[in-house]
Full PDB file with SEQRES, HELIX, SHEET, SSBOND, CRYST1, ORIGX, SCALE, CONECT and MASTER records, all heavy atoms in Angstrom:
SEQRES   1 A   40  THR ASN CYS LEU ASN LEU ASP GLU THR HIS GLU VAL VAL          
SEQRES   2 A   40  ARG LEU ILE ARG THR LEU ILE GLU HIS THR GLN PRO ASP          
SEQRES   3 A   40  SER ILE ILE ILE THR GLU THR ASN ILE PRO ASN ILE GLU          
SEQRES   4 A   40  ASN                                                          
HELIX    1 AA1 ASP A    7  GLU A   21  1                                  15    
CRYST1    1.000    1.000    1.000  90.00  90.00  90.00 P 1           1          
ORIGX1      1.000000  0.000000  0.000000        0.00000                         
ORIGX2      0.000000  1.000000  0.000000        0.00000                         
ORIGX3      0.000000  0.000000  1.000000        0.00000                         
SCALE1      1.000000  0.000000  0.000000        0.00000                         
SCALE2      0.000000  1.000000  0.000000        0.00000                         
SCALE3      0.000000  0.000000  1.000000        0.00000                         
ATOM      1  N   THR A   1      77.994 114.393 126.373  1.00  0.00           N  
ATOM      2  CA  THR A   1      78.756 113.146 126.258  1.00  0.00           C  
ATOM      3  C   THR A   1      80.242 113.464 126.429  1.00  0.00           C  
ATOM      4  O   THR A   1      80.629 114.627 126.574  1.00  0.00           O  
ATOM      5  CB  THR A   1      78.547 112.485 124.886  1.00  0.00           C  
ATOM      6  OG1 THR A   1      79.273 113.233 123.885  1.00  0.00           O  
ATOM      7  CG2 THR A   1      77.069 112.435 124.512  1.00  0.00           C  
ATOM      8  N   ASN A   2      81.078 112.410 126.362  1.00  0.00           N  
ATOM      9  CA  ASN A   2      82.524 112.641 126.449  1.00  0.00           C  
ATOM     10  C   ASN A   2      83.119 113.060 125.113  1.00  0.00           C  
ATOM     11  O   ASN A   2      84.320 113.346 125.019  1.00  0.00           O  
ATOM     12  CB  ASN A   2      83.244 111.414 127.007  1.00  0.00           C  
ATOM     13  CG  ASN A   2      83.127 110.195 126.107  1.00  0.00           C  
ATOM     14  OD1 ASN A   2      82.576 110.256 125.000  1.00  0.00           O  
ATOM     15  ND2 ASN A   2      83.631 109.060 126.575  1.00  0.00           N  
ATOM     16  N   CYS A   3      82.286 113.065 124.054  1.00  0.00           N  
ATOM     17  CA  CYS A   3      82.715 113.507 122.714  1.00  0.00           C  
ATOM     18  C   CYS A   3      83.925 112.703 122.212  1.00  0.00           C  
ATOM     19  O   CYS A   3      84.790 113.226 121.500  1.00  0.00           O  
ATOM     20  CB  CYS A   3      83.037 114.999 122.703  1.00  0.00           C  
ATOM     21  SG  CYS A   3      81.599 116.030 123.099  1.00  0.00           S  
ATOM     22  N   LEU A   4      83.955 111.435 122.559  1.00  0.00           N  
ATOM     23  CA  LEU A   4      85.061 110.564 122.175  1.00  0.00           C  
ATOM     24  C   LEU A   4      84.498 109.262 121.613  1.00  0.00           C  
ATOM     25  O   LEU A   4      83.630 108.635 122.229  1.00  0.00           O  
ATOM     26  CB  LEU A   4      85.941 110.278 123.396  1.00  0.00           C  
ATOM     27  CG  LEU A   4      87.244 109.520 123.167  1.00  0.00           C  
ATOM     28  CD1 LEU A   4      88.234 110.376 122.388  1.00  0.00           C  
ATOM     29  CD2 LEU A   4      87.861 109.102 124.510  1.00  0.00           C  
ATOM     30  N   ASN A   5      84.945 108.882 120.435  1.00  0.00           N  
ATOM     31  CA  ASN A   5      84.544 107.606 119.817  1.00  0.00           C  
ATOM     32  C   ASN A   5      83.033 107.505 119.623  1.00  0.00           C  
ATOM     33  O   ASN A   5      82.463 106.414 119.752  1.00  0.00           O  
ATOM     34  CB  ASN A   5      85.005 106.407 120.661  1.00  0.00           C  
ATOM     35  CG  ASN A   5      86.474 106.453 121.022  1.00  0.00           C  
ATOM     36  OD1 ASN A   5      87.306 106.764 120.180  1.00  0.00           O  
ATOM     37  ND2 ASN A   5      86.783 106.154 122.273  1.00  0.00           N  
ATOM     38  N   LEU A   6      82.389 108.595 119.301  1.00  0.00           N  
ATOM     39  CA  LEU A   6      80.943 108.545 119.131  1.00  0.00           C  
ATOM     40  C   LEU A   6      80.576 107.758 117.867  1.00  0.00           C  
ATOM     41  O   LEU A   6      81.378 107.594 116.953  1.00  0.00           O  
ATOM     42  CB  LEU A   6      80.369 109.955 119.067  1.00  0.00           C  
ATOM     43  CG  LEU A   6      80.570 110.813 120.330  1.00  0.00           C  
ATOM     44  CD1 LEU A   6      79.845 112.140 120.202  1.00  0.00           C  
ATOM     45  CD2 LEU A   6      80.104 110.078 121.585  1.00  0.00           C  
ATOM     46  N   ASP A   7      79.339 107.256 117.835  1.00  0.00           N  
ATOM     47  CA  ASP A   7      78.897 106.422 116.712  1.00  0.00           C  
ATOM     48  C   ASP A   7      79.071 107.142 115.384  1.00  0.00           C  
ATOM     49  O   ASP A   7      79.438 106.535 114.374  1.00  0.00           O  
ATOM     50  CB  ASP A   7      77.430 106.020 116.897  1.00  0.00           C  
ATOM     51  CG  ASP A   7      77.222 105.056 118.051  1.00  0.00           C  
ATOM     52  OD1 ASP A   7      78.216 104.443 118.500  1.00  0.00           O  
ATOM     53  OD2 ASP A   7      76.065 104.907 118.504  1.00  0.00           O  
ATOM     54  N   GLU A   8      78.782 108.440 115.378  1.00  0.00           N  
ATOM     55  CA  GLU A   8      78.902 109.207 114.142  1.00  0.00           C  
ATOM     56  C   GLU A   8      80.355 109.246 113.637  1.00  0.00           C  
ATOM     57  O   GLU A   8      80.604 109.243 112.427  1.00  0.00           O  
ATOM     58  CB  GLU A   8      78.386 110.633 114.354  1.00  0.00           C  
ATOM     59  CG  GLU A   8      76.888 110.724 114.589  1.00  0.00           C  
ATOM     60  CD  GLU A   8      76.483 110.552 116.055  1.00  0.00           C  
ATOM     61  OE1 GLU A   8      77.334 110.133 116.879  1.00  0.00           O  
ATOM     62  OE2 GLU A   8      75.319 110.835 116.372  1.00  0.00           O  
ATOM     63  N   THR A   9      81.300 109.287 114.583  1.00  0.00           N  
ATOM     64  CA  THR A   9      82.711 109.261 114.196  1.00  0.00           C  
ATOM     65  C   THR A   9      83.044 107.966 113.479  1.00  0.00           C  
ATOM     66  O   THR A   9      83.687 107.961 112.417  1.00  0.00           O  
ATOM     67  CB  THR A   9      83.604 109.434 115.439  1.00  0.00           C  
ATOM     68  OG1 THR A   9      83.415 110.739 115.980  1.00  0.00           O  
ATOM     69  CG2 THR A   9      85.066 109.243 115.092  1.00  0.00           C  
ATOM     70  N   HIS A  10      82.617 106.848 114.058  1.00  0.00           N  
ATOM     71  CA  HIS A  10      82.875 105.557 113.417  1.00  0.00           C  
ATOM     72  C   HIS A  10      82.228 105.492 112.032  1.00  0.00           C  
ATOM     73  O   HIS A  10      82.811 104.937 111.094  1.00  0.00           O  
ATOM     74  CB  HIS A  10      82.350 104.421 114.295  1.00  0.00           C  
ATOM     75  CG  HIS A  10      83.238 104.099 115.464  1.00  0.00           C  
ATOM     76  ND1 HIS A  10      84.362 103.319 115.342  1.00  0.00           N  
ATOM     77  CD2 HIS A  10      83.171 104.461 116.771  1.00  0.00           C  
ATOM     78  CE1 HIS A  10      84.953 103.201 116.523  1.00  0.00           C  
ATOM     79  NE2 HIS A  10      84.254 103.891 117.407  1.00  0.00           N  
ATOM     80  N   GLU A  11      81.040 106.070 111.904  1.00  0.00           N  
ATOM     81  CA  GLU A  11      80.353 106.024 110.608  1.00  0.00           C  
ATOM     82  C   GLU A  11      81.074 106.871 109.570  1.00  0.00           C  
ATOM     83  O   GLU A  11      81.115 106.508 108.380  1.00  0.00           O  
ATOM     84  CB  GLU A  11      78.907 106.482 110.751  1.00  0.00           C  
ATOM     85  CG  GLU A  11      78.009 106.076 109.597  1.00  0.00           C  
ATOM     86  CD  GLU A  11      77.835 104.571 109.485  1.00  0.00           C  
ATOM     87  OE1 GLU A  11      77.602 103.897 110.511  1.00  0.00           O  
ATOM     88  OE2 GLU A  11      77.925 104.051 108.341  1.00  0.00           O  
ATOM     89  N   VAL A  12      81.658 107.986 109.984  1.00  0.00           N  
ATOM     90  CA  VAL A  12      82.450 108.795 109.064  1.00  0.00           C  
ATOM     91  C   VAL A  12      83.656 107.985 108.555  1.00  0.00           C  
ATOM     92  O   VAL A  12      83.990 108.019 107.362  1.00  0.00           O  
ATOM     93  CB  VAL A  12      82.915 110.110 109.723  1.00  0.00           C  
ATOM     94  CG1 VAL A  12      83.952 110.828 108.841  1.00  0.00           C  
ATOM     95  CG2 VAL A  12      81.727 111.032 109.983  1.00  0.00           C  
ATOM     96  N   VAL A  13      84.295 107.239 109.452  1.00  0.00           N  
ATOM     97  CA  VAL A  13      85.424 106.397 109.036  1.00  0.00           C  
ATOM     98  C   VAL A  13      84.949 105.348 108.024  1.00  0.00           C  
ATOM     99  O   VAL A  13      85.613 105.097 107.009  1.00  0.00           O  
ATOM    100  CB  VAL A  13      86.092 105.722 110.253  1.00  0.00           C  
ATOM    101  CG1 VAL A  13      87.207 104.779 109.796  1.00  0.00           C  
ATOM    102  CG2 VAL A  13      86.655 106.764 111.212  1.00  0.00           C  
ATOM    103  N   ARG A  14      83.783 104.743 108.296  1.00  0.00           N  
ATOM    104  CA  ARG A  14      83.254 103.746 107.350  1.00  0.00           C  
ATOM    105  C   ARG A  14      82.984 104.369 105.986  1.00  0.00           C  
ATOM    106  O   ARG A  14      83.254 103.761 104.944  1.00  0.00           O  
ATOM    107  CB  ARG A  14      81.970 103.131 107.911  1.00  0.00           C  
ATOM    108  CG  ARG A  14      82.165 102.297 109.166  1.00  0.00           C  
ATOM    109  CD  ARG A  14      80.870 101.631 109.609  1.00  0.00           C  
ATOM    110  NE  ARG A  14      81.002 101.156 110.987  1.00  0.00           N  
ATOM    111  CZ  ARG A  14      80.370 101.661 112.033  1.00  0.00           C  
ATOM    112  NH1 ARG A  14      79.514 102.657 111.873  1.00  0.00           N  
ATOM    113  NH2 ARG A  14      80.561 101.171 113.230  1.00  0.00           N  
ATOM    114  N   LEU A  15      82.440 105.563 105.998  1.00  0.00           N  
ATOM    115  CA  LEU A  15      82.164 106.253 104.736  1.00  0.00           C  
ATOM    116  C   LEU A  15      83.453 106.521 103.975  1.00  0.00           C  
ATOM    117  O   LEU A  15      83.541 106.271 102.752  1.00  0.00           O  
ATOM    118  CB  LEU A  15      81.430 107.568 105.007  1.00  0.00           C  
ATOM    119  CG  LEU A  15      81.270 108.508 103.808  1.00  0.00           C  
ATOM    120  CD1 LEU A  15      80.421 107.872 102.725  1.00  0.00           C  
ATOM    121  CD2 LEU A  15      80.687 109.848 104.244  1.00  0.00           C  
ATOM    122  N   ILE A  16      84.465 107.029 104.668  1.00  0.00           N  
ATOM    123  CA  ILE A  16      85.743 107.336 104.013  1.00  0.00           C  
ATOM    124  C   ILE A  16      86.335 106.064 103.422  1.00  0.00           C  
ATOM    125  O   ILE A  16      86.840 106.055 102.295  1.00  0.00           O  
ATOM    126  CB  ILE A  16      86.715 108.009 105.000  1.00  0.00           C  
ATOM    127  CG1 ILE A  16      86.210 109.412 105.359  1.00  0.00           C  
ATOM    128  CG2 ILE A  16      88.120 108.088 104.413  1.00  0.00           C  
ATOM    129  CD1 ILE A  16      87.014 110.098 106.443  1.00  0.00           C  
ATOM    130  N   ARG A  17      86.243 104.955 104.156  1.00  0.00           N  
ATOM    131  CA  ARG A  17      86.782 103.696 103.623  1.00  0.00           C  
ATOM    132  C   ARG A  17      86.025 103.284 102.361  1.00  0.00           C  
ATOM    133  O   ARG A  17      86.644 102.890 101.366  1.00  0.00           O  
ATOM    134  CB  ARG A  17      86.716 102.588 104.663  1.00  0.00           C  
ATOM    135  CG  ARG A  17      87.103 101.228 104.074  1.00  0.00           C  
ATOM    136  CD  ARG A  17      87.674 100.271 105.041  1.00  0.00           C  
ATOM    137  NE  ARG A  17      87.971  98.987 104.413  1.00  0.00           N  
ATOM    138  CZ  ARG A  17      88.599  97.999 105.008  1.00  0.00           C  
ATOM    139  NH1 ARG A  17      88.999  98.144 106.258  1.00  0.00           N  
ATOM    140  NH2 ARG A  17      88.827  96.875 104.381  1.00  0.00           N  
ATOM    141  N   THR A  18      84.704 103.363 102.405  1.00  0.00           N  
ATOM    142  CA  THR A  18      83.919 103.002 101.228  1.00  0.00           C  
ATOM    143  C   THR A  18      84.326 103.834 100.024  1.00  0.00           C  
ATOM    144  O   THR A  18      84.535 103.304  98.918  1.00  0.00           O  
ATOM    145  CB  THR A  18      82.416 103.188 101.513  1.00  0.00           C  
ATOM    146  OG1 THR A  18      82.002 102.251 102.522  1.00  0.00           O  
ATOM    147  CG2 THR A  18      81.581 102.958 100.261  1.00  0.00           C  
ATOM    148  N   LEU A  19      84.466 105.132 100.211  1.00  0.00           N  
ATOM    149  CA  LEU A  19      84.812 106.016  99.104  1.00  0.00           C  
ATOM    150  C   LEU A  19      86.218 105.753  98.574  1.00  0.00           C  
ATOM    151  O   LEU A  19      86.442 105.718  97.357  1.00  0.00           O  
ATOM    152  CB  LEU A  19      84.676 107.473  99.549  1.00  0.00           C  
ATOM    153  CG  LEU A  19      83.261 107.946  99.907  1.00  0.00           C  
ATOM    154  CD1 LEU A  19      83.302 109.334 100.524  1.00  0.00           C  
ATOM    155  CD2 LEU A  19      82.349 107.926  98.679  1.00  0.00           C  
ATOM    156  N   ILE A  20      87.168 105.552  99.482  1.00  0.00           N  
ATOM    157  CA  ILE A  20      88.556 105.351  99.060  1.00  0.00           C  
ATOM    158  C   ILE A  20      88.726 104.010  98.366  1.00  0.00           C  
ATOM    159  O   ILE A  20      89.349 103.913  97.307  1.00  0.00           O  
ATOM    160  CB  ILE A  20      89.509 105.480 100.264  1.00  0.00           C  
ATOM    161  CG1 ILE A  20      89.671 106.953 100.654  1.00  0.00           C  
ATOM    162  CG2 ILE A  20      90.876 104.880  99.939  1.00  0.00           C  
ATOM    163  CD1 ILE A  20      90.601 107.178 101.836  1.00  0.00           C  
ATOM    164  N   GLU A  21      88.191 102.939  98.958  1.00  0.00           N  
ATOM    165  CA  GLU A  21      88.471 101.616  98.404  1.00  0.00           C  
ATOM    166  C   GLU A  21      87.776 101.393  97.056  1.00  0.00           C  
ATOM    167  O   GLU A  21      88.194 100.531  96.278  1.00  0.00           O  
ATOM    168  CB  GLU A  21      88.111 100.515  99.397  1.00  0.00           C  
ATOM    169  CG  GLU A  21      86.642 100.323  99.672  1.00  0.00           C  
ATOM    170  CD  GLU A  21      86.395  99.281 100.764  1.00  0.00           C  
ATOM    171  OE1 GLU A  21      87.391  98.759 101.323  1.00  0.00           O  
ATOM    172  OE2 GLU A  21      85.228  98.989 101.052  1.00  0.00           O  
ATOM    173  N   HIS A  22      86.722 102.148  96.765  1.00  0.00           N  
ATOM    174  CA  HIS A  22      86.090 102.037  95.459  1.00  0.00           C  
ATOM    175  C   HIS A  22      86.693 102.989  94.432  1.00  0.00           C  
ATOM    176  O   HIS A  22      86.335 102.955  93.258  1.00  0.00           O  
ATOM    177  CB  HIS A  22      84.582 102.268  95.581  1.00  0.00           C  
ATOM    178  CG  HIS A  22      83.851 101.099  96.171  1.00  0.00           C  
ATOM    179  ND1 HIS A  22      83.717 100.930  97.533  1.00  0.00           N  
ATOM    180  CD2 HIS A  22      83.254 100.034  95.588  1.00  0.00           C  
ATOM    181  CE1 HIS A  22      83.045  99.813  97.766  1.00  0.00           C  
ATOM    182  NE2 HIS A  22      82.750  99.250  96.605  1.00  0.00           N  
ATOM    183  N   THR A  23      87.610 103.831  94.901  1.00  0.00           N  
ATOM    184  CA  THR A  23      88.317 104.740  93.994  1.00  0.00           C  
ATOM    185  C   THR A  23      89.716 104.210  93.700  1.00  0.00           C  
ATOM    186  O   THR A  23      90.146 104.132  92.556  1.00  0.00           O  
ATOM    187  CB  THR A  23      88.427 106.140  94.628  1.00  0.00           C  
ATOM    188  OG1 THR A  23      87.136 106.598  94.997  1.00  0.00           O  
ATOM    189  CG2 THR A  23      89.053 107.122  93.651  1.00  0.00           C  
ATOM    190  N   GLN A  24      90.426 103.838  94.762  1.00  0.00           N  
ATOM    191  CA  GLN A  24      91.793 103.328  94.645  1.00  0.00           C  
ATOM    192  C   GLN A  24      91.900 102.150  95.617  1.00  0.00           C  
ATOM    193  O   GLN A  24      92.252 102.312  96.786  1.00  0.00           O  
ATOM    194  CB  GLN A  24      92.797 104.428  95.017  1.00  0.00           C  
ATOM    195  CG  GLN A  24      94.247 104.068  94.780  1.00  0.00           C  
ATOM    196  CD  GLN A  24      94.602 104.005  93.312  1.00  0.00           C  
ATOM    197  OE1 GLN A  24      94.159 104.843  92.531  1.00  0.00           O  
ATOM    198  NE2 GLN A  24      95.400 103.022  92.919  1.00  0.00           N  
ATOM    199  N   PRO A  25      91.579 100.936  95.161  1.00  0.00           N  
ATOM    200  CA  PRO A  25      91.427  99.799  96.080  1.00  0.00           C  
ATOM    201  C   PRO A  25      92.639  99.495  96.951  1.00  0.00           C  
ATOM    202  O   PRO A  25      92.483  98.975  98.053  1.00  0.00           O  
ATOM    203  CB  PRO A  25      91.131  98.622  95.138  1.00  0.00           C  
ATOM    204  CG  PRO A  25      90.513  99.252  93.938  1.00  0.00           C  
ATOM    205  CD  PRO A  25      91.210 100.565  93.775  1.00  0.00           C  
ATOM    206  N   ASP A  26      93.851  99.805  96.483  1.00  0.00           N  
ATOM    207  CA  ASP A  26      95.035  99.489  97.279  1.00  0.00           C  
ATOM    208  C   ASP A  26      95.395 100.593  98.265  1.00  0.00           C  
ATOM    209  O   ASP A  26      96.421 100.525  98.929  1.00  0.00           O  
ATOM    210  CB  ASP A  26      96.228  99.186  96.377  1.00  0.00           C  
ATOM    211  CG  ASP A  26      96.624 100.372  95.500  1.00  0.00           C  
ATOM    212  OD1 ASP A  26      95.846 101.341  95.407  1.00  0.00           O  
ATOM    213  OD2 ASP A  26      97.719 100.321  94.905  1.00  0.00           O  
ATOM    214  N   SER A  27      94.545 101.618  98.382  1.00  0.00           N  
ATOM    215  CA  SER A  27      94.782 102.662  99.383  1.00  0.00           C  
ATOM    216  C   SER A  27      94.369 102.170 100.764  1.00  0.00           C  
ATOM    217  O   SER A  27      93.477 101.324 100.904  1.00  0.00           O  
ATOM    218  CB  SER A  27      94.016 103.934  99.030  1.00  0.00           C  
ATOM    219  OG  SER A  27      94.571 104.526  97.874  1.00  0.00           O  
ATOM    220  N   ILE A  28      95.006 102.724 101.781  1.00  0.00           N  
ATOM    221  CA  ILE A  28      94.843 102.232 103.152  1.00  0.00           C  
ATOM    222  C   ILE A  28      94.495 103.389 104.082  1.00  0.00           C  
ATOM    223  O   ILE A  28      95.055 104.486 103.951  1.00  0.00           O  
ATOM    224  CB  ILE A  28      96.143 101.542 103.625  1.00  0.00           C  
ATOM    225  CG1 ILE A  28      96.372 100.247 102.834  1.00  0.00           C  
ATOM    226  CG2 ILE A  28      96.099 101.230 105.127  1.00  0.00           C  
ATOM    227  CD1 ILE A  28      97.725  99.604 103.121  1.00  0.00           C  
ATOM    228  N   ILE A  29      93.585 103.125 105.011  1.00  0.00           N  
ATOM    229  CA  ILE A  29      93.238 104.082 106.060  1.00  0.00           C  
ATOM    230  C   ILE A  29      93.840 103.603 107.372  1.00  0.00           C  
ATOM    231  O   ILE A  29      93.691 102.427 107.758  1.00  0.00           O  
ATOM    232  CB  ILE A  29      91.714 104.201 106.223  1.00  0.00           C  
ATOM    233  CG1 ILE A  29      91.088 104.844 104.996  1.00  0.00           C  
ATOM    234  CG2 ILE A  29      91.361 105.002 107.474  1.00  0.00           C  
ATOM    235  CD1 ILE A  29      89.572 104.801 105.011  1.00  0.00           C  
ATOM    236  N   ILE A  30      94.517 104.499 108.084  1.00  0.00           N  
ATOM    237  CA  ILE A  30      95.053 104.218 109.416  1.00  0.00           C  
ATOM    238  C   ILE A  30      94.465 105.233 110.381  1.00  0.00           C  
ATOM    239  O   ILE A  30      94.552 106.440 110.147  1.00  0.00           O  
ATOM    240  CB  ILE A  30      96.588 104.287 109.443  1.00  0.00           C  
ATOM    241  CG1 ILE A  30      97.192 103.280 108.461  1.00  0.00           C  
ATOM    242  CG2 ILE A  30      97.120 104.029 110.845  1.00  0.00           C  
ATOM    243  CD1 ILE A  30      98.709 103.281 108.436  1.00  0.00           C  
ATOM    244  N   THR A  31      93.848 104.758 111.445  1.00  0.00           N  
ATOM    245  CA  THR A  31      93.268 105.678 112.426  1.00  0.00           C  
ATOM    246  C   THR A  31      94.268 105.948 113.546  1.00  0.00           C  
ATOM    247  O   THR A  31      94.843 105.020 114.121  1.00  0.00           O  
ATOM    248  CB  THR A  31      91.972 105.112 113.026  1.00  0.00           C  
ATOM    249  OG1 THR A  31      92.168 103.740 113.388  1.00  0.00           O  
ATOM    250  CG2 THR A  31      90.839 105.204 112.027  1.00  0.00           C  
ATOM    251  N   GLU A  32      94.448 107.228 113.839  1.00  0.00           N  
ATOM    252  CA  GLU A  32      95.346 107.648 114.920  1.00  0.00           C  
ATOM    253  C   GLU A  32      94.479 107.950 116.137  1.00  0.00           C  
ATOM    254  O   GLU A  32      93.882 109.013 116.251  1.00  0.00           O  
ATOM    255  CB  GLU A  32      96.140 108.880 114.482  1.00  0.00           C  
ATOM    256  CG  GLU A  32      97.257 109.273 115.443  1.00  0.00           C  
ATOM    257  CD  GLU A  32      96.842 110.350 116.438  1.00  0.00           C  
ATOM    258  OE1 GLU A  32      95.908 111.100 116.124  1.00  0.00           O  
ATOM    259  OE2 GLU A  32      97.460 110.430 117.518  1.00  0.00           O  
ATOM    260  N   THR A  33      94.378 106.960 117.026  1.00  0.00           N  
ATOM    261  CA  THR A  33      93.500 107.069 118.193  1.00  0.00           C  
ATOM    262  C   THR A  33      94.307 106.718 119.438  1.00  0.00           C  
ATOM    263  O   THR A  33      94.365 105.558 119.837  1.00  0.00           O  
ATOM    264  CB  THR A  33      92.279 106.134 118.058  1.00  0.00           C  
ATOM    265  OG1 THR A  33      92.732 104.823 117.670  1.00  0.00           O  
ATOM    266  CG2 THR A  33      91.324 106.641 116.989  1.00  0.00           C  
ATOM    267  N   ASN A  34      94.918 107.727 120.022  1.00  0.00           N  
ATOM    268  CA  ASN A  34      95.801 107.532 121.177  1.00  0.00           C  
ATOM    269  C   ASN A  34      94.950 107.462 122.453  1.00  0.00           C  
ATOM    270  O   ASN A  34      94.903 108.395 123.253  1.00  0.00           O  
ATOM    271  CB  ASN A  34      96.802 108.687 121.243  1.00  0.00           C  
ATOM    272  CG  ASN A  34      97.936 108.399 122.208  1.00  0.00           C  
ATOM    273  OD1 ASN A  34      97.949 107.384 122.896  1.00  0.00           O  
ATOM    274  ND2 ASN A  34      98.897 109.296 122.253  1.00  0.00           N  
ATOM    275  N   ILE A  35      94.276 106.328 122.603  1.00  0.00           N  
ATOM    276  CA  ILE A  35      93.282 106.124 123.653  1.00  0.00           C  
ATOM    277  C   ILE A  35      93.457 104.717 124.218  1.00  0.00           C  
ATOM    278  O   ILE A  35      94.230 103.919 123.675  1.00  0.00           O  
ATOM    279  CB  ILE A  35      91.850 106.304 123.090  1.00  0.00           C  
ATOM    280  CG1 ILE A  35      91.665 105.464 121.818  1.00  0.00           C  
ATOM    281  CG2 ILE A  35      91.570 107.780 122.799  1.00  0.00           C  
ATOM    282  CD1 ILE A  35      90.311 105.566 121.167  1.00  0.00           C  
ATOM    283  N   PRO A  36      92.757 104.381 125.313  1.00  0.00           N  
ATOM    284  CA  PRO A  36      92.894 103.032 125.864  1.00  0.00           C  
ATOM    285  C   PRO A  36      92.672 101.933 124.826  1.00  0.00           C  
ATOM    286  O   PRO A  36      91.924 102.094 123.857  1.00  0.00           O  
ATOM    287  CB  PRO A  36      91.827 103.004 126.964  1.00  0.00           C  
ATOM    288  CG  PRO A  36      91.779 104.425 127.435  1.00  0.00           C  
ATOM    289  CD  PRO A  36      91.963 105.250 126.198  1.00  0.00           C  
ATOM    290  N   ASN A  37      93.324 100.798 125.049  1.00  0.00           N  
ATOM    291  CA  ASN A  37      93.476  99.751 124.047  1.00  0.00           C  
ATOM    292  C   ASN A  37      92.155  99.255 123.456  1.00  0.00           C  
ATOM    293  O   ASN A  37      92.008  99.128 122.234  1.00  0.00           O  
ATOM    294  CB  ASN A  37      94.246  98.580 124.668  1.00  0.00           C  
ATOM    295  CG  ASN A  37      94.720  97.575 123.637  1.00  0.00           C  
ATOM    296  OD1 ASN A  37      95.286  97.958 122.618  1.00  0.00           O  
ATOM    297  ND2 ASN A  37      94.463  96.311 123.871  1.00  0.00           N  
ATOM    298  N   ILE A  38      91.179  98.965 124.293  1.00  0.00           N  
ATOM    299  CA  ILE A  38      89.919  98.403 123.801  1.00  0.00           C  
ATOM    300  C   ILE A  38      89.225  99.396 122.872  1.00  0.00           C  
ATOM    301  O   ILE A  38      88.674  99.024 121.828  1.00  0.00           O  
ATOM    302  CB  ILE A  38      89.004  98.010 124.979  1.00  0.00           C  
ATOM    303  CG1 ILE A  38      89.619  96.840 125.751  1.00  0.00           C  
ATOM    304  CG2 ILE A  38      87.610  97.646 124.489  1.00  0.00           C  
ATOM    305  CD1 ILE A  38      88.839  96.432 126.986  1.00  0.00           C  
ATOM    306  N   GLU A  39      89.238 100.672 123.236  1.00  0.00           N  
ATOM    307  CA  GLU A  39      88.626 101.697 122.388  1.00  0.00           C  
ATOM    308  C   GLU A  39      89.375 101.817 121.057  1.00  0.00           C  
ATOM    309  O   GLU A  39      88.772 101.998 119.999  1.00  0.00           O  
ATOM    310  CB  GLU A  39      88.633 103.042 123.113  1.00  0.00           C  
ATOM    311  CG  GLU A  39      87.829 103.049 124.405  1.00  0.00           C  
ATOM    312  CD  GLU A  39      88.049 104.322 125.212  1.00  0.00           C  
ATOM    313  OE1 GLU A  39      88.227 105.393 124.582  1.00  0.00           O  
ATOM    314  OE2 GLU A  39      88.054 104.260 126.450  1.00  0.00           O  
ATOM    315  N   ASN A  40      90.690 101.698 121.115  1.00  0.00           N  
ATOM    316  CA  ASN A  40      91.505 101.769 119.914  1.00  0.00           C  
ATOM    317  C   ASN A  40      91.133 100.656 118.929  1.00  0.00           C  
ATOM    318  O   ASN A  40      90.968 100.889 117.726  1.00  0.00           O  
ATOM    319  CB  ASN A  40      92.984 101.667 120.306  1.00  0.00           C  
ATOM    320  CG  ASN A  40      93.929 101.858 119.134  1.00  0.00           C  
ATOM    321  OD1 ASN A  40      93.701 102.691 118.265  1.00  0.00           O  
ATOM    322  ND2 ASN A  40      94.990 101.089 119.109  1.00  0.00           N  
TER     323      ASN A  40                                                      
MASTER        0    0    0    1    0    0    0    6  322    1    0    4          
END                                                                             
């Protein structure tokens, strides 16, 4: 594959959000994805 934006990557982000927001609800995740707009 192109090893970019794979489903597993998105799921890891979802997991991190779940863990963070249930620990410190006002914490924020920002993804740094310097890629074409739609993928971003």
